[in-house]
Amino acid sequence: MEINDLVTAEIRQYKTTPNLIADALRKGIVRGVIKGGQTLRQEELAATFGVSRIPIREAFRQLEAEGLITIYPHRGAVVTELSPQEAQELYEIRLVLETTALEKAIPRLKQEDFKKAQAIIAATEGQTDISHLGELNWEFHSTLYAAAGRPRLLSMLTNLHLTVDRYMRFELAALDYLPKSQQEHSALLEACRQQEVEKAVGLLREHIESAGKLLVDYLVNSQQNQTNK
């Protein structure tokens, strides 16, 4: 898939132009169509989307706020590369925010929440589209957290997910993490269903910590292998 294909797909959704551009580029980055370290040039993208540079700049600001690109003076926008240091920090932030959200949510979860979360686990089985797997993973977690009644916290987690998503999809694809994730999601859901707050928070903590360690170790080893070549 090329950037032109992403543009065509997004145009069909009739979004405002800066959001359309940001969504197309975001999907390209998350899916690996647009590589880490790649420079995004305003004039080329303006021609591709058939717009002026103004909506391109607005889209860049969105992506920079999400941590997907970095804008350098005299160089332009560069796609952020996957980094073990960033992964470590992101998973540490996830640990604090998500365990807080879950602890607040469990006493307020209802049967429809459990049914929805269970349906997401079922939908994940046999799914091979990495892009969709990343979406399902967040949908499962956000289903549990939404009941917390903390809109600012959920908004922070939603924004954090946009940055973590690249790492999560990489983990699912390269590290074959899905079977372990599914088992952990099922155990977490059951603890929530039984209203076992301490157990559920502990399971979520282990889930995030183990995923983070697996990913960071892989990225560190990859960096070392590149250095030794």
Foldseek 3Di string as FASTA:
>chain_A
DALLVLLVVLVVVVDPLLVSNLVSVLVCLLVCVQAAFDADDQVVVCVSNVHHSVSVVVSLVVCVVLVQWDQDPPRGIGGHHDALVVLLVLLVVCLVLLLVLLLLQLVQDDPVLLVVLVVLLVVLPPDDPLVVNLVSVVVNSCSNRVNSPPVVSSVVVVSSSSNCSSLSSCCCPVVVCVVVLSVLSVVLSVCSVVSVSVVNSVSVNCSSVVSSVVSSVVNVVVVVVVVVD
